[in-house]
């Protein structure tokens, strides 16, 4: 039986990747950038669900 990782795990990983690629501190992210991070996390959750 497959387990579904929590949304928080994907969000944290997407936030780390975004901040690393943009060379910014997570505390300095505005709402538009936060929305981009959420979209990245959702894309990866969709990939996971597609594999089930």
PDB file of N, CA and C in Angstrom:
ATOM      1  N   UNK A   1       0.840  -1.184   0.000  1.00  0.00           N
ATOM      2  CA  UNK A   1       0.000   0.000   0.000  1.00  0.00           C
ATOM      3  C   UNK A   1       0.880   1.240   0.000  1.00  0.00           C
ATOM      4  N   UNK A   2       0.614   2.147  -0.892  1.00  0.00           N
ATOM      5  CA  UNK A   2       1.407   3.376  -0.998  1.00  0.00           C
ATOM      6  C   UNK A   2       0.959   4.382   0.055  1.00  0.00           C
ATOM      7  N   UNK A   3       1.897   5.111   0.551  1.00  0.00           N
ATOM      8  CA  UNK A   3       1.561   6.169   1.504  1.00  0.00           C
ATOM      9  C   UNK A   3       1.686   7.507   0.796  1.00  0.00           C
ATOM     10  N   UNK A   4       0.827   8.413   1.136  1.00  0.00           N
ATOM     11  CA  UNK A   4       0.837   9.742   0.527  1.00  0.00           C
ATOM     12  C   UNK A   4       1.569  10.686   1.463  1.00  0.00           C
ATOM     13  N   UNK A   5       2.648  11.287   0.958  1.00  0.00           N
ATOM     14  CA  UNK A   5       3.376  12.271   1.755  1.00  0.00           C
ATOM     15  C   UNK A   5       2.483  13.473   1.995  1.00  0.00           C
ATOM     16  N   UNK A   6       2.705  14.120   3.107  1.00  0.00           N
ATOM     17  CA  UNK A   6       1.878  15.271   3.439  1.00  0.00           C
ATOM     18  C   UNK A   6       2.195  16.457   2.538  1.00  0.00           C
ATOM     19  N   UNK A   7       1.233  17.342   2.417  1.00  0.00           N
ATOM     20  CA  UNK A   7       1.399  18.558   1.625  1.00  0.00           C
ATOM     21  C   UNK A   7       2.588  19.353   2.145  1.00  0.00           C
ATOM     22  N   UNK A   8       2.754  19.385   3.463  1.00  0.00           N
ATOM     23  CA  UNK A   8       3.838  20.168   4.057  1.00  0.00           C
ATOM     24  C   UNK A   8       5.196  19.729   3.538  1.00  0.00           C
ATOM     25  N   UNK A   9       5.392  18.436   3.366  1.00  0.00           N
ATOM     26  CA  UNK A   9       6.671  17.923   2.883  1.00  0.00           C
ATOM     27  C   UNK A   9       6.963  18.450   1.486  1.00  0.00           C
ATOM     28  N   UNK A  10       5.991  18.409   0.599  1.00  0.00           N
ATOM     29  CA  UNK A  10       6.190  18.906  -0.764  1.00  0.00           C
ATOM     30  C   UNK A  10       6.379  20.418  -0.762  1.00  0.00           C
ATOM     31  N   UNK A  11       5.634  21.112   0.101  1.00  0.00           N
ATOM     32  CA  UNK A  11       5.761  22.574   0.166  1.00  0.00           C
ATOM     33  C   UNK A  11       7.145  22.973   0.656  1.00  0.00           C
ATOM     34  N   UNK A  12       7.638  22.329   1.693  1.00  0.00           N
ATOM     35  CA  UNK A  12       8.955  22.644   2.242  1.00  0.00           C
ATOM     36  C   UNK A  12      10.038  22.381   1.203  1.00  0.00           C
ATOM     37  N   UNK A  13       9.948  21.253   0.521  1.00  0.00           N
ATOM     38  CA  UNK A  13      10.944  20.940  -0.501  1.00  0.00           C
ATOM     39  C   UNK A  13      10.886  21.922  -1.663  1.00  0.00           C
ATOM     40  N   UNK A  14       9.672  22.308  -2.071  1.00  0.00           N
ATOM     41  CA  UNK A  14       9.531  23.285  -3.153  1.00  0.00           C
ATOM     42  C   UNK A  14      10.057  24.650  -2.711  1.00  0.00           C
ATOM     43  N   UNK A  15       9.802  25.016  -1.451  1.00  0.00           N
ATOM     44  CA  UNK A  15      10.288  26.297  -0.931  1.00  0.00           C
ATOM     45  C   UNK A  15      11.813  26.315  -0.904  1.00  0.00           C
ATOM     46  N   UNK A  16      12.417  25.226  -0.448  1.00  0.00           N
ATOM     47  CA  UNK A  16      13.885  25.149  -0.411  1.00  0.00           C
ATOM     48  C   UNK A  16      14.469  25.252  -1.815  1.00  0.00           C
ATOM     49  N   UNK A  17      13.867  24.558  -2.770  1.00  0.00           N
ATOM     50  CA  UNK A  17      14.365  24.586  -4.143  1.00  0.00           C
ATOM     51  C   UNK A  17      14.207  25.980  -4.751  1.00  0.00           C
ATOM     52  N   UNK A  18      13.073  26.606  -4.513  1.00  0.00           N
ATOM     53  CA  UNK A  18      12.834  27.942  -5.062  1.00  0.00           C
ATOM     54  C   UNK A  18      13.823  28.944  -4.477  1.00  0.00           C
ATOM     55  N   UNK A  19      13.985  28.928  -3.166  1.00  0.00           N
ATOM     56  CA  UNK A  19      14.890  29.880  -2.510  1.00  0.00           C
ATOM     57  C   UNK A  19      16.338  29.647  -2.937  1.00  0.00           C
ATOM     58  N   UNK A  20      16.689  28.396  -3.120  1.00  0.00           N
ATOM     59  CA  UNK A  20      18.039  28.076  -3.552  1.00  0.00           C
ATOM     60  C   UNK A  20      18.289  28.573  -4.980  1.00  0.00           C
ATOM     61  N   UNK A  21      17.331  28.343  -5.859  1.00  0.00           N
ATOM     62  CA  UNK A  21      17.521  28.752  -7.248  1.00  0.00           C
ATOM     63  C   UNK A  21      17.471  30.273  -7.419  1.00  0.00           C
ATOM     64  N   UNK A  22      16.670  30.944  -6.602  1.00  0.00           N
ATOM     65  CA  UNK A  22      16.552  32.403  -6.692  1.00  0.00           C
ATOM     66  C   UNK A  22      17.514  33.135  -5.752  1.00  0.00           C
ATOM     67  N   UNK A  23      18.210  32.361  -4.907  1.00  0.00           N
ATOM     68  CA  UNK A  23      19.166  32.922  -3.940  1.00  0.00           C
ATOM     69  C   UNK A  23      18.529  33.977  -3.038  1.00  0.00           C
ATOM     70  N   UNK A  24      17.378  33.596  -2.459  1.00  0.00           N
ATOM     71  CA  UNK A  24      16.688  34.479  -1.530  1.00  0.00           C
ATOM     72  C   UNK A  24      16.369  33.742  -0.238  1.00  0.00           C
ATOM     73  N   UNK A  25      16.108  34.489   0.810  1.00  0.00           N
ATOM     74  CA  UNK A  25      15.746  33.937   2.105  1.00  0.00           C
ATOM     75  C   UNK A  25      14.236  33.674   2.114  1.00  0.00           C
ATOM     76  N   UNK A  26      13.792  32.532   2.650  1.00  0.00           N
ATOM     77  CA  UNK A  26      12.349  32.242   2.687  1.00  0.00           C
ATOM     78  C   UNK A  26      11.531  33.329   3.385  1.00  0.00           C
ATOM     79  N   UNK A  27      12.133  34.061   4.292  1.00  0.00           N
ATOM     80  CA  UNK A  27      11.418  35.117   5.017  1.00  0.00           C
ATOM     81  C   UNK A  27      11.145  36.326   4.123  1.00  0.00           C
ATOM     82  N   UNK A  28      11.873  36.444   3.020  1.00  0.00           N
ATOM     83  CA  UNK A  28      11.750  37.599   2.135  1.00  0.00           C
ATOM     84  C   UNK A  28      10.818  37.361   0.947  1.00  0.00           C
ATOM     85  N   UNK A  29      10.087  36.270   0.954  1.00  0.00           N
ATOM     86  CA  UNK A  29       9.221  35.919  -0.176  1.00  0.00           C
ATOM     87  C   UNK A  29       7.906  36.677  -0.089  1.00  0.00           C
ATOM     88  N   UNK A  30       7.490  37.247  -1.229  1.00  0.00           N
ATOM     89  CA  UNK A  30       6.205  37.940  -1.257  1.00  0.00           C
ATOM     90  C   UNK A  30       5.090  36.960  -1.647  1.00  0.00           C
ATOM     91  N   UNK A  31       3.857  37.450  -1.681  1.00  0.00           N
ATOM     92  CA  UNK A  31       2.707  36.578  -1.958  1.00  0.00           C
ATOM     93  C   UNK A  31       2.763  35.951  -3.347  1.00  0.00           C
ATOM     94  N   UNK A  32       3.229  36.691  -4.334  1.00  0.00           N
ATOM     95  CA  UNK A  32       3.311  36.163  -5.697  1.00  0.00           C
ATOM     96  C   UNK A  32       4.319  35.010  -5.771  1.00  0.00           C
ATOM     97  N   UNK A  33       5.443  35.171  -5.118  1.00  0.00           N
ATOM     98  CA  UNK A  33       6.454  34.112  -5.099  1.00  0.00           C
ATOM     99  C   UNK A  33       5.953  32.900  -4.312  1.00  0.00           C
ATOM    100  N   UNK A  34       5.231  33.145  -3.227  1.00  0.00           N
ATOM    101  CA  UNK A  34       4.673  32.046  -2.421  1.00  0.00           C
ATOM    102  C   UNK A  34       3.690  31.225  -3.255  1.00  0.00           C
ATOM    103  N   UNK A  35       2.914  31.895  -4.097  1.00  0.00           N
ATOM    104  CA  UNK A  35       1.984  31.194  -4.977  1.00  0.00           C
ATOM    105  C   UNK A  35       2.741  30.311  -5.971  1.00  0.00           C
ATOM    106  N   UNK A  36       3.860  30.791  -6.471  1.00  0.00           N
ATOM    107  CA  UNK A  36       4.692  30.006  -7.375  1.00  0.00           C
ATOM    108  C   UNK A  36       5.218  28.746  -6.677  1.00  0.00           C
ATOM    109  N   UNK A  37       5.608  28.892  -5.425  1.00  0.00           N
ATOM    110  CA  UNK A  37       6.095  27.743  -4.654  1.00  0.00           C
ATOM    111  C   UNK A  37       4.976  26.718  -4.469  1.00  0.00           C
ATOM    112  N   UNK A  38       3.784  27.181  -4.176  1.00  0.00           N
ATOM    113  CA  UNK A  38       2.639  26.278  -3.999  1.00  0.00           C
ATOM    114  C   UNK A  38       2.349  25.532  -5.299  1.00  0.00           C
ATOM    115  N   UNK A  39       2.425  26.221  -6.432  1.00  0.00           N
ATOM    116  CA  UNK A  39       2.199  25.565  -7.726  1.00  0.00           C
ATOM    117  C   UNK A  39       3.243  24.483  -7.978  1.00  0.00           C
ATOM    118  N   UNK A  40       4.493  24.774  -7.647  1.00  0.00           N
ATOM    119  CA  UNK A  40       5.552  23.759  -7.807  1.00  0.00           C
ATOM    120  C   UNK A  40       5.269  22.533  -6.950  1.00  0.00           C
ATOM    121  N   UNK A  41       4.834  22.751  -5.724  1.00  0.00           N
ATOM    122  CA  UNK A  41       4.523  21.635  -4.836  1.00  0.00           C
ATOM    123  C   UNK A  41       3.358  20.820  -5.392  1.00  0.00           C
ATOM    124  N   UNK A  42       2.338  21.486  -5.914  1.00  0.00           N
ATOM    125  CA  UNK A  42       1.167  20.798  -6.462  1.00  0.00           C
ATOM    126  C   UNK A  42       1.520  19.968  -7.689  1.00  0.00           C
ATOM    127  N   UNK A  43       2.421  20.467  -8.509  1.00  0.00           N
ATOM    128  CA  UNK A  43       2.851  19.716  -9.691  1.00  0.00           C
ATOM    129  C   UNK A  43       3.457  18.386  -9.273  1.00  0.00           C
ATOM    130  N   UNK A  44       4.308  18.402  -8.271  1.00  0.00           N
ATOM    131  CA  UNK A  44       4.947  17.167  -7.829  1.00  0.00           C
ATOM    132  C   UNK A  44       3.961  16.223  -7.155  1.00  0.00           C
ATOM    133  N   UNK A  45       2.986  16.756  -6.448  1.00  0.00           N
ATOM    134  CA  UNK A  45       1.947  15.899  -5.874  1.00  0.00           C
ATOM    135  C   UNK A  45       1.147  15.251  -6.992  1.00  0.00           C
ATOM    136  N   UNK A  46       0.881  16.001  -8.061  1.00  0.00           N
ATOM    137  CA  UNK A  46       0.174  15.439  -9.209  1.00  0.00           C
ATOM    138  C   UNK A  46       0.944  14.310  -9.872  1.00  0.00           C
ATOM    139  N   UNK A  47       2.262  14.468  -9.997  1.00  0.00           N
ATOM    140  CA  UNK A  47       3.098  13.393 -10.543  1.00  0.00           C
ATOM    141  C   UNK A  47       2.965  12.139  -9.691  1.00  0.00           C
ATOM    142  N   UNK A  48       3.015  12.328  -8.379  1.00  0.00           N
ATOM    143  CA  UNK A  48       2.934  11.181  -7.460  1.00  0.00           C
ATOM    144  C   UNK A  48       1.572  10.484  -7.607  1.00  0.00           C
ATOM    145  N   UNK A  49       0.504  11.259  -7.616  1.00  0.00           N
ATOM    146  CA  UNK A  49      -0.835  10.669  -7.721  1.00  0.00           C
ATOM    147  C   UNK A  49      -1.039   9.973  -9.058  1.00  0.00           C
ATOM    148  N   UNK A  50      -0.436  10.481 -10.102  1.00  0.00           N
ATOM    149  CA  UNK A  50      -0.548   9.871 -11.416  1.00  0.00           C
ATOM    150  C   UNK A  50       0.087   8.488 -11.452  1.00  0.00           C
ATOM    151  N   UNK A  51       1.096   8.283 -10.634  1.00  0.00           N
ATOM    152  CA  UNK A  51       1.801   6.999 -10.611  1.00  0.00           C
ATOM    153  C   UNK A  51       1.030   5.923  -9.856  1.00  0.00           C
ATOM    154  N   UNK A  52       0.040   6.320  -9.065  1.00  0.00           N
ATOM    155  CA  UNK A  52      -0.713   5.327  -8.268  1.00  0.00           C
ATOM    156  C   UNK A  52      -1.587   4.471  -9.087  1.00  0.00           C
TER     157      UNK A  52
END
